[in-house]
C-alpha atoms as a PDB file:
ATOM      1  CA  MET A   1       0.053   0.150  -0.035  1.00  0.00           C
ATOM      2  CA  THR A   2       1.025   3.388  -0.751  1.00  0.00           C
ATOM      3  CA  ARG A   3       1.886   5.518   2.158  1.00  0.00           C
ATOM      4  CA  PHE A   4      -0.769   8.741   2.581  1.00  0.00           C
ATOM      5  CA  GLY A   5       0.716  11.627   1.450  1.00  0.00           C
ATOM      6  CA  LYS A   6       3.431   9.985  -0.976  1.00  0.00           C
ATOM      7  CA  THR A   7       1.007   9.931  -3.778  1.00  0.00           C
ATOM      8  CA  ARG A   8      -0.158  12.717  -5.894  1.00  0.00           C
ATOM      9  CA  PHE A   9      -4.228  12.875  -3.962  1.00  0.00           C
ATOM     10  CA  GLY A  10      -2.449  12.794  -0.863  1.00  0.00           C
ATOM     11  CA  ARG A  11      -0.253  16.117  -1.503  1.00  0.00           C
ATOM     12  CA  GLN A  12      -3.430  17.771  -2.614  1.00  0.00           C
ATOM     13  CA  ILE A  13      -4.970  16.869   0.752  1.00  0.00           C
ATOM     14  CA  LEU A  14      -2.353  17.891   2.471  1.00  0.00           C
ATOM     15  CA  SER A  15      -2.323  21.393   0.797  1.00  0.00           C
ATOM     16  CA  THR A  16      -5.520  21.316   1.037  1.00  0.00           C
ATOM     17  CA  VAL A  17      -5.877  20.123   4.922  1.00  0.00           C
ATOM     18  CA  LEU A  18      -3.198  22.059   6.558  1.00  0.00           C
ATOM     19  CA  PRO A  19      -3.968  25.310   6.218  1.00  0.00           C
ATOM     20  CA  ALA A  20      -7.495  24.847   7.421  1.00  0.00           C
ATOM     21  CA  THR A  21      -6.213  23.529  10.038  1.00  0.00           C
ATOM     22  CA  VAL A  22      -3.598  26.022  11.733  1.00  0.00           C
ATOM     23  CA  LEU A  23      -6.281  28.346  11.479  1.00  0.00           C
ATOM     24  CA  LEU A  24      -8.923  26.467  13.116  1.00  0.00           C
ATOM     25  CA  LEU A  25      -5.938  25.992  15.961  1.00  0.00           C
ATOM     26  CA  GLY A  26      -5.571  29.838  16.128  1.00  0.00           C
ATOM     27  CA  ILE A  27      -2.271  29.499  14.579  1.00  0.00           C
ATOM     28  CA  SER A  28      -1.420  32.688  12.730  1.00  0.00           C
ATOM     29  CA  THR A  29      -0.279  31.725   9.210  1.00  0.00           C
ATOM     30  CA  THR A  30       2.694  34.263   9.639  1.00  0.00           C
ATOM     31  CA  ALA A  31       3.833  32.649  12.423  1.00  0.00           C
ATOM     32  CA  ALA A  32       7.111  30.920  10.640  1.00  0.00           C
ATOM     33  CA  HIS A  33       8.226  34.404   9.686  1.00  0.00           C
ATOM     34  CA  ALA A  34      10.631  35.633  12.583  1.00  0.00           C
ATOM     35  CA  ALA A  35       9.185  38.958  14.384  1.00  0.00           C
ATOM     36  CA  ASP A  36      10.879  42.072  13.770  1.00  0.00           C
ATOM     37  CA  LYS A  37      14.071  42.573  16.015  1.00  0.00           C
ATOM     38  CA  VAL A  38      13.983  46.463  17.510  1.00  0.00           C
ATOM     39  CA  ARG A  39      16.816  47.349  19.924  1.00  0.00           C
ATOM     40  CA  ILE A  40      15.595  50.004  21.893  1.00  0.00           C
ATOM     41  CA  MET A  41      17.673  52.586  23.943  1.00  0.00           C
ATOM     42  CA  VAL A  42      16.083  53.964  27.066  1.00  0.00           C
ATOM     43  CA  GLY A  43      18.114  56.674  29.294  1.00  0.00           C
ATOM     44  CA  GLY A  44      16.299  55.820  32.543  1.00  0.00           C
ATOM     45  CA  LEU A  45      13.759  52.838  32.133  1.00  0.00           C
ATOM     46  CA  GLU A  46      12.219  53.255  35.604  1.00  0.00           C
ATOM     47  CA  LYS A  47      11.454  57.087  34.805  1.00  0.00           C
ATOM     48  CA  ILE A  48       7.349  57.395  34.538  1.00  0.00           C
ATOM     49  CA  LEU A  49       7.899  60.223  31.805  1.00  0.00           C
ATOM     50  CA  TYR A  50       9.518  57.188  29.908  1.00  0.00           C
ATOM     51  CA  LEU A  51       6.648  54.789  31.270  1.00  0.00           C
ATOM     52  CA  PRO A  52       4.758  53.949  27.615  1.00  0.00           C
ATOM     53  CA  ALA A  53       8.188  52.181  26.916  1.00  0.00           C
ATOM     54  CA  LYS A  54       8.100  49.256  29.730  1.00  0.00           C
ATOM     55  CA  LEU A  55       4.371  49.552  29.624  1.00  0.00           C
ATOM     56  CA  ALA A  56       3.916  47.952  26.090  1.00  0.00           C
ATOM     57  CA  ASP A  57       6.310  45.362  27.007  1.00  0.00           C
ATOM     58  CA  GLN A  58       4.365  44.622  30.004  1.00  0.00           C
ATOM     59  CA  LEU A  59       0.901  44.498  27.943  1.00  0.00           C
ATOM     60  CA  GLY A  60       2.531  42.256  25.172  1.00  0.00           C
ATOM     61  CA  TYR A  61       1.937  45.063  23.005  1.00  0.00           C
ATOM     62  CA  TYR A  62       4.783  44.546  21.049  1.00  0.00           C
ATOM     63  CA  LYS A  63       4.044  41.290  20.432  1.00  0.00           C
ATOM     64  CA  ASP A  64       1.292  41.709  19.049  1.00  0.00           C
ATOM     65  CA  GLU A  65       2.232  43.933  16.944  1.00  0.00           C
ATOM     66  CA  GLY A  66       4.862  41.123  15.306  1.00  0.00           C
ATOM     67  CA  LEU A  67       7.846  42.780  17.422  1.00  0.00           C
ATOM     68  CA  ASP A  68      11.087  41.321  18.811  1.00  0.00           C
ATOM     69  CA  VAL A  69      12.086  44.263  21.417  1.00  0.00           C
ATOM     70  CA  GLU A  70      14.715  44.398  23.327  1.00  0.00           C
ATOM     71  CA  LEU A  71      14.615  47.376  25.701  1.00  0.00           C
ATOM     72  CA  ILE A  72      18.128  48.738  26.761  1.00  0.00           C
ATOM     73  CA  ASN A  73      18.477  50.751  29.829  1.00  0.00           C
ATOM     74  CA  VAL A  74      21.334  53.239  29.599  1.00  0.00           C
ATOM     75  CA  ALA A  75      22.496  56.001  32.108  1.00  0.00           C
ATOM     76  CA  ALA A  76      21.745  59.040  29.666  1.00  0.00           C
ATOM     77  CA  GLY A  77      20.159  60.418  26.639  1.00  0.00           C
ATOM     78  CA  SER A  78      23.788  60.905  24.924  1.00  0.00           C
ATOM     79  CA  VAL A  79      24.642  56.975  25.259  1.00  0.00           C
ATOM     80  CA  SER A  80      21.204  56.292  23.112  1.00  0.00           C
ATOM     81  CA  GLU A  81      22.132  58.776  20.857  1.00  0.00           C
ATOM     82  CA  THR A  82      25.751  57.375  19.920  1.00  0.00           C
ATOM     83  CA  ALA A  83      23.575  53.642  20.078  1.00  0.00           C
ATOM     84  CA  LEU A  84      21.209  54.965  17.507  1.00  0.00           C
ATOM     85  CA  LEU A  85      23.731  56.491  15.221  1.00  0.00           C
ATOM     86  CA  SER A  86      25.924  53.853  14.937  1.00  0.00           C
ATOM     87  CA  GLY A  87      23.246  50.982  14.309  1.00  0.00           C
ATOM     88  CA  THR A  88      23.670  49.610  17.683  1.00  0.00           C
ATOM     89  CA  ALA A  89      19.832  50.347  18.301  1.00  0.00           C
ATOM     90  CA  GLU A  90      17.137  50.783  16.127  1.00  0.00           C
ATOM     91  CA  ALA A  91      15.415  52.935  18.092  1.00  0.00           C
ATOM     92  CA  ALA A  92      15.389  55.278  21.440  1.00  0.00           C
ATOM     93  CA  VAL A  93      13.728  56.920  23.805  1.00  0.00           C
ATOM     94  CA  GLY A  94      14.534  60.429  24.900  1.00  0.00           C
ATOM     95  CA  ALA A  95      13.524  64.148  24.653  1.00  0.00           C
ATOM     96  CA  TYR A  96      12.257  65.082  21.769  1.00  0.00           C
ATOM     97  CA  GLU A  97      14.545  67.699  21.639  1.00  0.00           C
ATOM     98  CA  GLN A  98      17.514  65.438  20.919  1.00  0.00           C
ATOM     99  CA  THR A  99      16.006  65.449  16.942  1.00  0.00           C
ATOM    100  CA  ILE A 100      17.141  68.910  16.687  1.00  0.00           C
ATOM    101  CA  HIS A 101      20.371  68.321  18.369  1.00  0.00           C
ATOM    102  CA  ILE A 102      21.331  65.746  15.854  1.00  0.00           C
ATOM    103  CA  GLN A 103      19.864  67.255  12.703  1.00  0.00           C
ATOM    104  CA  ALA A 104      22.257  70.136  13.914  1.00  0.00           C
ATOM    105  CA  LYS A 105      24.916  67.725  13.513  1.00  0.00           C
ATOM    106  CA  GLY A 106      24.041  66.846  10.037  1.00  0.00           C
ATOM    107  CA  LYS A 107      22.343  63.638  10.854  1.00  0.00           C
ATOM    108  CA  TYR A 108      18.447  63.269  10.692  1.00  0.00           C
ATOM    109  CA  VAL A 109      16.607  60.928  13.227  1.00  0.00           C
ATOM    110  CA  THR A 110      12.575  61.009  13.654  1.00  0.00           C
ATOM    111  CA  GLU A 111      10.044  60.888  16.257  1.00  0.00           C
ATOM    112  CA  ILE A 112       7.328  58.413  15.468  1.00  0.00           C
ATOM    113  CA  ALA A 113       4.882  58.808  18.547  1.00  0.00           C
ATOM    114  CA  GLN A 114       5.025  61.290  20.941  1.00  0.00           C
ATOM    115  CA  ILE A 115       4.921  59.744  24.131  1.00  0.00           C
ATOM    116  CA  SER A 116       4.487  63.439  26.436  1.00  0.00           C
ATOM    117  CA  ALA A 117       3.120  66.614  25.405  1.00  0.00           C
ATOM    118  CA  CYS A 118       4.978  68.786  28.268  1.00  0.00           C
ATOM    119  CA  PRO A 119       8.070  68.395  29.976  1.00  0.00           C
ATOM    120  CA  GLN A 120       6.735  66.146  32.492  1.00  0.00           C
ATOM    121  CA  GLU A 121       9.770  68.419  35.182  1.00  0.00           C
ATOM    122  CA  ALA A 122       9.423  70.399  37.819  1.00  0.00           C
ATOM    123  CA  LEU A 123      11.747  73.336  39.081  1.00  0.00           C
ATOM    124  CA  LEU A 124      12.323  72.500  42.888  1.00  0.00           C
ATOM    125  CA  VAL A 125      13.830  74.834  45.477  1.00  0.00           C
ATOM    126  CA  SER A 126      15.140  73.423  48.623  1.00  0.00           C
ATOM    127  CA  THR A 127      13.088  74.143  51.435  1.00  0.00           C
ATOM    128  CA  LYS A 128      16.562  75.165  53.340  1.00  0.00           C
ATOM    129  CA  ALA A 129      16.935  78.197  50.617  1.00  0.00           C
ATOM    130  CA  ASN A 130      14.892  81.463  51.134  1.00  0.00           C
ATOM    131  CA  VAL A 131      13.265  81.414  47.391  1.00  0.00           C
ATOM    132  CA  LYS A 132       9.793  82.162  46.451  1.00  0.00           C
ATOM    133  CA  THR A 133       9.948  83.302  42.658  1.00  0.00           C
ATOM    134  CA  PRO A 134      12.871  82.196  39.579  1.00  0.00           C
ATOM    135  CA  ALA A 135      14.225  85.609  40.354  1.00  0.00           C
ATOM    136  CA  ASP A 136      15.333  84.795  43.785  1.00  0.00           C
ATOM    137  CA  LEU A 137      17.693  82.156  42.154  1.00  0.00           C
ATOM    138  CA  LYS A 138      20.497  84.747  41.208  1.00  0.00           C
ATOM    139  CA  GLY A 139      23.937  83.231  42.943  1.00  0.00           C
ATOM    140  CA  ALA A 140      22.391  79.713  43.772  1.00  0.00           C
ATOM    141  CA  THR A 141      23.684  76.970  41.936  1.00  0.00           C
ATOM    142  CA  ILE A 142      21.024  74.929  40.645  1.00  0.00           C
ATOM    143  CA  GLY A 143      21.011  71.159  40.183  1.00  0.00           C
ATOM    144  CA  VAL A 144      20.073  69.709  36.042  1.00  0.00           C
ATOM    145  CA  THR A 145      20.503  66.669  34.539  1.00  0.00           C
ATOM    146  CA  GLY A 146      23.670  67.279  32.587  1.00  0.00           C
ATOM    147  CA  PHE A 147      25.273  70.067  30.858  1.00  0.00           C
ATOM    148  CA  GLY A 148      23.369  71.255  27.580  1.00  0.00           C
ATOM    149  CA  SER A 149      20.922  68.781  28.889  1.00  0.00           C
ATOM    150  CA  PHE A 150      16.829  69.595  28.331  1.00  0.00           C
ATOM    151  CA  THR A 151      16.926  70.331  31.807  1.00  0.00           C
ATOM    152  CA  HIS A 152      19.791  72.714  31.659  1.00  0.00           C
ATOM    153  CA  PHE A 153      18.515  74.444  28.881  1.00  0.00           C
ATOM    154  CA  LEU A 154      14.912  74.762  30.548  1.00  0.00           C
ATOM    155  CA  THR A 155      15.931  76.192  33.566  1.00  0.00           C
ATOM    156  CA  MET A 156      18.107  78.904  31.721  1.00  0.00           C
ATOM    157  CA  ASP A 157      14.974  79.960  29.854  1.00  0.00           C
ATOM    158  CA  ILE A 158      12.746  80.294  33.234  1.00  0.00           C
ATOM    159  CA  LEU A 159      15.698  82.127  34.710  1.00  0.00           C
ATOM    160  CA  ALA A 160      15.701  84.593  31.586  1.00  0.00           C
ATOM    161  CA  ARG A 161      11.956  85.077  31.705  1.00  0.00           C
ATOM    162  CA  ALA A 162      12.166  86.113  35.399  1.00  0.00           C
ATOM    163  CA  GLY A 163      14.901  88.709  34.057  1.00  0.00           C
ATOM    164  CA  LEU A 164      18.273  86.578  35.106  1.00  0.00           C
ATOM    165  CA  LYS A 165      20.863  86.107  32.321  1.00  0.00           C
ATOM    166  CA  PRO A 166      21.999  82.577  32.295  1.00  0.00           C
ATOM    167  CA  SER A 167      25.505  83.513  34.128  1.00  0.00           C
ATOM    168  CA  ASP A 168      23.565  84.429  37.385  1.00  0.00           C
ATOM    169  CA  ALA A 169      23.389  81.212  38.751  1.00  0.00           C
ATOM    170  CA  SER A 170      25.717  78.082  39.074  1.00  0.00           C
ATOM    171  CA  TYR A 171      24.472  75.020  37.528  1.00  0.00           C
ATOM    172  CA  LEU A 172      25.716  71.593  38.413  1.00  0.00           C
ATOM    173  CA  ALA A 173      25.469  67.998  36.717  1.00  0.00           C
ATOM    174  CA  VAL A 174      23.786  65.339  39.401  1.00  0.00           C
ATOM    175  CA  GLY A 175      22.002  63.649  37.016  1.00  0.00           C
ATOM    176  CA  ALA A 176      18.198  62.018  38.600  1.00  0.00           C
ATOM    177  CA  GLY A 177      17.045  59.796  41.141  1.00  0.00           C
ATOM    178  CA  ASN A 178      19.310  59.636  44.253  1.00  0.00           C
ATOM    179  CA  THR A 179      21.967  61.441  42.884  1.00  0.00           C
ATOM    180  CA  PHE A 180      19.515  64.340  42.114  1.00  0.00           C
ATOM    181  CA  ILE A 181      17.880  63.866  46.148  1.00  0.00           C
ATOM    182  CA  THR A 182      21.533  63.709  47.972  1.00  0.00           C
ATOM    183  CA  ALA A 183      22.620  66.780  46.138  1.00  0.00           C
ATOM    184  CA  MET A 184      19.748  68.793  47.200  1.00  0.00           C
ATOM    185  CA  GLU A 185      19.852  67.167  50.644  1.00  0.00           C
ATOM    186  CA  GLN A 186      23.472  68.130  50.735  1.00  0.00           C
ATOM    187  CA  ASP A 187      23.034  71.794  50.198  1.00  0.00           C
ATOM    188  CA  ARG A 188      25.494  71.521  47.373  1.00  0.00           C
ATOM    189  CA  THR A 189      22.283  72.116  44.701  1.00  0.00           C
ATOM    190  CA  GLN A 190      19.728  75.005  46.543  1.00  0.00           C
ATOM    191  CA  ALA A 191      17.261  74.098  43.369  1.00  0.00           C
ATOM    192  CA  GLY A 192      16.934  71.610  40.477  1.00  0.00           C
ATOM    193  CA  MET A 193      15.118  70.236  37.730  1.00  0.00           C
ATOM    194  CA  THR A 194      14.137  66.895  37.594  1.00  0.00           C
ATOM    195  CA  GLN A 195      10.764  64.788  36.920  1.00  0.00           C
ATOM    196  CA  GLU A 196       8.656  62.132  39.009  1.00  0.00           C
ATOM    197  CA  PRO A 197       8.844  60.619  41.403  1.00  0.00           C
ATOM    198  CA  THR A 198      12.172  62.786  42.541  1.00  0.00           C
ATOM    199  CA  VAL A 199       9.680  65.685  42.637  1.00  0.00           C
ATOM    200  CA  SER A 200       6.858  63.453  44.679  1.00  0.00           C
ATOM    201  CA  ILE A 201       9.684  61.892  47.172  1.00  0.00           C
ATOM    202  CA  LEU A 202      11.472  65.439  47.821  1.00  0.00           C
ATOM    203  CA  ILE A 203       8.200  66.962  49.235  1.00  0.00           C
ATOM    204  CA  GLU A 204       7.275  64.003  51.085  1.00  0.00           C
ATOM    205  CA  ARG A 205      10.207  64.336  52.880  1.00  0.00           C
ATOM    206  CA  LYS A 206       9.445  68.330  52.637  1.00  0.00           C
ATOM    207  CA  ASP A 207      12.905  68.765  51.613  1.00  0.00           C
ATOM    208  CA  ALA A 208      12.153  70.718  48.468  1.00  0.00           C
ATOM    209  CA  HIS A 209       9.106  72.490  47.158  1.00  0.00           C
ATOM    210  CA  ILE A 210       7.998  73.154  43.768  1.00  0.00           C
ATOM    211  CA  LEU A 211       9.096  76.939  42.253  1.00  0.00           C
ATOM    212  CA  VAL A 212       7.771  76.289  38.512  1.00  0.00           C
ATOM    213  CA  ASP A 213       5.596  73.315  37.763  1.00  0.00           C
ATOM    214  CA  MET A 214       5.667  72.009  33.711  1.00  0.00           C
ATOM    215  CA  ARG A 215       4.354  68.028  34.578  1.00  0.00           C
ATOM    216  CA  THR A 216       0.734  68.795  32.711  1.00  0.00           C
ATOM    217  CA  ALA A 217       0.131  70.497  29.092  1.00  0.00           C
ATOM    218  CA  ALA A 218      -1.546  73.650  30.807  1.00  0.00           C
ATOM    219  CA  ASP A 219       0.893  74.345  33.684  1.00  0.00           C
ATOM    220  CA  THR A 220       3.736  74.266  30.756  1.00  0.00           C
ATOM    221  CA  GLN A 221       1.749  76.789  28.418  1.00  0.00           C
ATOM    222  CA  LYS A 222       1.951  78.934  31.798  1.00  0.00           C
ATOM    223  CA  ALA A 223       5.836  79.169  32.274  1.00  0.00           C
ATOM    224  CA  LEU A 224       6.888  78.782  28.153  1.00  0.00           C
ATOM    225  CA  GLY A 225       4.261  80.288  27.034  1.00  0.00           C
ATOM    226  CA  GLY A 226       3.519  77.128  24.148  1.00  0.00           C
ATOM    227  CA  ASP A 227       3.279  73.345  24.843  1.00  0.00           C
ATOM    228  CA  TYR A 228       6.995  71.866  24.595  1.00  0.00           C
ATOM    229  CA  PRO A 229       7.005  68.191  23.835  1.00  0.00           C
ATOM    230  CA  GLY A 230       9.360  65.896  26.139  1.00  0.00           C
ATOM    231  CA  SER A 231       9.436  62.316  25.780  1.00  0.00           C
ATOM    232  CA  SER A 232       9.417  60.893  22.482  1.00  0.00           C
ATOM    233  CA  ILE A 233      10.543  57.326  20.761  1.00  0.00           C
ATOM    234  CA  TYR A 234      13.019  58.630  17.427  1.00  0.00           C
ATOM    235  CA  VAL A 235      14.404  56.389  14.969  1.00  0.00           C
ATOM    236  CA  ARG A 236      16.964  57.193  12.190  1.00  0.00           C
ATOM    237  CA  ASN A 237      15.758  58.598   9.192  1.00  0.00           C
ATOM    238  CA  ASP A 238      17.627  56.276   6.767  1.00  0.00           C
ATOM    239  CA  TRP A 239      16.071  53.608   8.800  1.00  0.00           C
ATOM    240  CA  ILE A 240      12.430  54.287   8.271  1.00  0.00           C
ATOM    241  CA  GLN A 241      12.391  54.621   4.539  1.00  0.00           C
ATOM    242  CA  SER A 242      13.955  50.558   4.923  1.00  0.00           C
ATOM    243  CA  HIS A 243      11.459  49.754   7.323  1.00  0.00           C
ATOM    244  CA  LYS A 244       8.572  51.432   7.498  1.00  0.00           C
ATOM    245  CA  ASP A 245       6.275  48.504   8.315  1.00  0.00           C
ATOM    246  CA  THR A 246       8.702  47.491  11.337  1.00  0.00           C
ATOM    247  CA  ALA A 247       8.686  51.630  12.160  1.00  0.00           C
ATOM    248  CA  ALA A 248       4.642  51.360  11.823  1.00  0.00           C
ATOM    249  CA  LYS A 249       4.185  48.441  14.306  1.00  0.00           C
ATOM    250  CA  LEU A 250       6.276  50.320  16.477  1.00  0.00           C
ATOM    251  CA  SER A 251       4.857  53.454  16.614  1.00  0.00           C
ATOM    252  CA  GLN A 252       1.299  51.531  17.142  1.00  0.00           C
ATOM    253  CA  ALA A 253       2.705  49.269  19.940  1.00  0.00           C
ATOM    254  CA  PHE A 254       3.529  52.897  21.667  1.00  0.00           C
ATOM    255  CA  GLN A 255       0.002  53.983  20.555  1.00  0.00           C
ATOM    256  CA  ARG A 256      -1.475  51.100  22.528  1.00  0.00           C
ATOM    257  CA  ALA A 257       0.069  52.022  25.411  1.00  0.00           C
ATOM    258  CA  LEU A 258      -0.648  55.615  25.563  1.00  0.00           C
ATOM    259  CA  GLN A 259      -3.963  55.128  25.221  1.00  0.00           C
ATOM    260  CA  TYR A 260      -4.140  52.219  27.622  1.00  0.00           C
ATOM    261  CA  MET A 261      -2.668  55.167  29.768  1.00  0.00           C
ATOM    262  CA  ALA A 262      -5.513  57.159  28.900  1.00  0.00           C
ATOM    263  CA  SER A 263      -8.015  54.871  30.197  1.00  0.00           C
ATOM    264  CA  HIS A 264      -6.870  53.262  33.252  1.00  0.00           C
ATOM    265  CA  SER A 265      -6.451  54.861  36.705  1.00  0.00           C
ATOM    266  CA  ALA A 266      -2.803  55.462  37.997  1.00  0.00           C
ATOM    267  CA  GLU A 267      -3.435  51.631  40.349  1.00  0.00           C
ATOM    268  CA  GLU A 268      -4.198  50.074  37.363  1.00  0.00           C
ATOM    269  CA  ILE A 269      -1.220  51.017  35.392  1.00  0.00           C
ATOM    270  CA  ALA A 270       1.175  50.663  38.559  1.00  0.00           C
ATOM    271  CA  ASP A 271      -0.059  46.734  38.759  1.00  0.00           C
ATOM    272  CA  LYS A 272       1.291  46.145  35.393  1.00  0.00           C
ATOM    273  CA  MET A 273       5.036  47.391  36.135  1.00  0.00           C
ATOM    274  CA  PRO A 274       7.913  45.256  37.887  1.00  0.00           C
ATOM    275  CA  ALA A 275       7.726  46.150  41.730  1.00  0.00           C
ATOM    276  CA  SER A 276      11.443  47.334  41.409  1.00  0.00           C
ATOM    277  CA  TYR A 277       9.925  50.227  39.877  1.00  0.00           C
ATOM    278  CA  TYR A 278       8.051  51.217  43.649  1.00  0.00           C
ATOM    279  CA  ASN A 279      11.193  51.854  44.973  1.00  0.00           C
ATOM    280  CA  GLY A 280       9.632  49.933  48.040  1.00  0.00           C
ATOM    281  CA  ASN A 281       7.046  52.584  48.052  1.00  0.00           C
ATOM    282  CA  LYS A 282       3.868  51.870  45.668  1.00  0.00           C
ATOM    283  CA  ALA A 283       1.889  54.188  47.040  1.00  0.00           C
ATOM    284  CA  LEU A 284       3.608  56.902  46.307  1.00  0.00           C
ATOM    285  CA  TYR A 285       4.940  55.543  42.851  1.00  0.00           C
ATOM    286  CA  VAL A 286       0.878  55.744  42.101  1.00  0.00           C
ATOM    287  CA  ALA A 287       0.618  59.210  43.444  1.00  0.00           C
ATOM    288  CA  SER A 288       3.458  60.224  41.443  1.00  0.00           C
ATOM    289  CA  LEU A 289       1.586  58.861  38.832  1.00  0.00           C
ATOM    290  CA  LYS A 290      -1.526  59.989  39.134  1.00  0.00           C
ATOM    291  CA  THR A 291      -0.010  63.938  38.951  1.00  0.00           C
ATOM    292  CA  SER A 292       2.408  62.832  35.961  1.00  0.00           C
ATOM    293  CA  LEU A 293      -0.756  60.964  33.832  1.00  0.00           C
ATOM    294  CA  PRO A 294      -2.320  64.295  32.189  1.00  0.00           C
ATOM    295  CA  GLY A 295       1.443  65.420  30.599  1.00  0.00           C
ATOM    296  CA  PHE A 296       0.887  62.009  28.681  1.00  0.00           C
ATOM    297  CA  THR A 297      -0.293  62.319  24.847  1.00  0.00           C
ATOM    298  CA  LYS A 298      -3.483  60.262  24.591  1.00  0.00           C
ATOM    299  CA  ASP A 299      -2.901  59.065  20.909  1.00  0.00           C
ATOM    300  CA  GLY A 300       1.170  59.673  20.008  1.00  0.00           C
ATOM    301  CA  ARG A 301       0.827  62.762  18.143  1.00  0.00           C
ATOM    302  CA  MET A 302       2.426  65.602  17.907  1.00  0.00           C
ATOM    303  CA  PRO A 303       1.193  68.773  19.976  1.00  0.00           C
ATOM    304  CA  GLU A 304       0.976  70.876  16.510  1.00  0.00           C
ATOM    305  CA  ASP A 305       2.961  73.910  17.870  1.00  0.00           C
ATOM    306  CA  GLY A 306       5.388  71.576  20.193  1.00  0.00           C
ATOM    307  CA  PRO A 307       8.225  71.538  17.773  1.00  0.00           C
ATOM    308  CA  LYS A 308       7.941  75.789  17.480  1.00  0.00           C
ATOM    309  CA  THR A 309       8.226  76.424  21.095  1.00  0.00           C
ATOM    310  CA  VAL A 310      11.177  73.942  21.169  1.00  0.00           C
ATOM    311  CA  ILE A 311      13.260  75.601  18.598  1.00  0.00           C
ATOM    312  CA  GLU A 312      12.364  78.978  20.213  1.00  0.00           C
ATOM    313  CA  VAL A 313      14.116  77.798  23.553  1.00  0.00           C
ATOM    314  CA  LEU A 314      17.304  75.985  21.919  1.00  0.00           C
ATOM    315  CA  ASN A 315      17.790  79.342  19.954  1.00  0.00           C
ATOM    316  CA  LYS A 316      18.535  81.194  23.112  1.00  0.00           C
ATOM    317  CA  PHE A 317      20.675  78.831  24.958  1.00  0.00           C
ATOM    318  CA  SER A 318      22.260  76.256  22.638  1.00  0.00           C
ATOM    319  CA  LYS A 319      25.332  77.428  20.578  1.00  0.00           C
ATOM    320  CA  ASP A 320      24.839  73.992  19.159  1.00  0.00           C
ATOM    321  CA  ILE A 321      21.521  75.195  17.250  1.00  0.00           C
ATOM    322  CA  GLN A 322      22.387  78.873  16.867  1.00  0.00           C
ATOM    323  CA  GLY A 323      22.901  79.738  13.294  1.00  0.00           C
ATOM    324  CA  LYS A 324      21.626  76.448  11.592  1.00  0.00           C
ATOM    325  CA  ASN A 325      18.658  76.057   9.521  1.00  0.00           C
ATOM    326  CA  ILE A 326      16.810  73.293  10.986  1.00  0.00           C
ATOM    327  CA  ASP A 327      14.200  71.760   9.116  1.00  0.00           C
ATOM    328  CA  LEU A 328      11.749  70.961  11.914  1.00  0.00           C
ATOM    329  CA  SER A 329       9.461  68.683   9.492  1.00  0.00           C
ATOM    330  CA  LYS A 330      12.386  66.192   9.320  1.00  0.00           C
ATOM    331  CA  THR A 331      12.356  65.902  13.209  1.00  0.00           C
ATOM    332  CA  TYR A 332       8.814  63.986  13.687  1.00  0.00           C
ATOM    333  CA  THR A 333       6.073  62.344  11.526  1.00  0.00           C
ATOM    334  CA  ASN A 334       2.666  61.592  12.370  1.00  0.00           C
ATOM    335  CA  GLU A 335       2.472  59.064   9.392  1.00  0.00           C
ATOM    336  CA  PHE A 336       2.365  56.085  11.461  1.00  0.00           C
ATOM    337  CA  ILE A 337      -0.029  57.506  14.046  1.00  0.00           C
ATOM    338  CA  LYS A 338      -3.551  55.580  13.754  1.00  0.00           C
END
């Protein structure tokens, strides 16, 4: 007897039956294709302003979109930039303004999903210092993430609006999180620009209070006179051209994470995150989330006048940007946002 499947008739049956069986079992006909590998550099994965990067992973959105994502935690945005431009990573999560800085160097990267509609930062002042307005910071030492950083330029802009020159205060690179907290507790800084949960930690300990709040879009408009988009996910322009499908999947995974955040409570979101993110105090983490949620975009779309506000601030203080012809249309795209 001829074994089933060896005859022409048997081969016809297999070619007809197998696809139907695969569908009945719920197996995707594309399962045989490897998921798109994407390495994403994040300058502080545990920071709340970058939360959608990890949340999308926790909720399985990357896998849903057919992506094999590796989230790589790094200490600073400069590391992410180097990895992205060298091809060590396919994407980076960081401040939108980095797309402008990179273009000023003759390279092009594009934001494919805007995570936050505002800086989600606050200028804190130590409770030991006699400071009531930004103008009172003359002569103070102010903590920033790093020199020439997002927080550095924002701080100088706030001081300028209060009538001070950049040289009227000193700046100290103290990073974020525990190093920022220690610098203020030891009185090495009298003020500083930082984000959640560091803001809530220092306030709870009564070591600092908020001088200028930019954790929501409304507060940012009061402080800076317009929208100032903060964290985003961006990729190289040349990579987009050859990986449009992957870029769309990545953008949509972030969009879904942002939509989840817009429709769920801080408690529900916190429950999805690793316990290590709570720093031993889940209640404080939830409180920080509640404060931060209004600052995120609901769909990953760039605020209409956001890029214009960012370039105006950078043109005042960044020597790398001054005099450069920046094409803002190449720094972001809403092409992949549903």
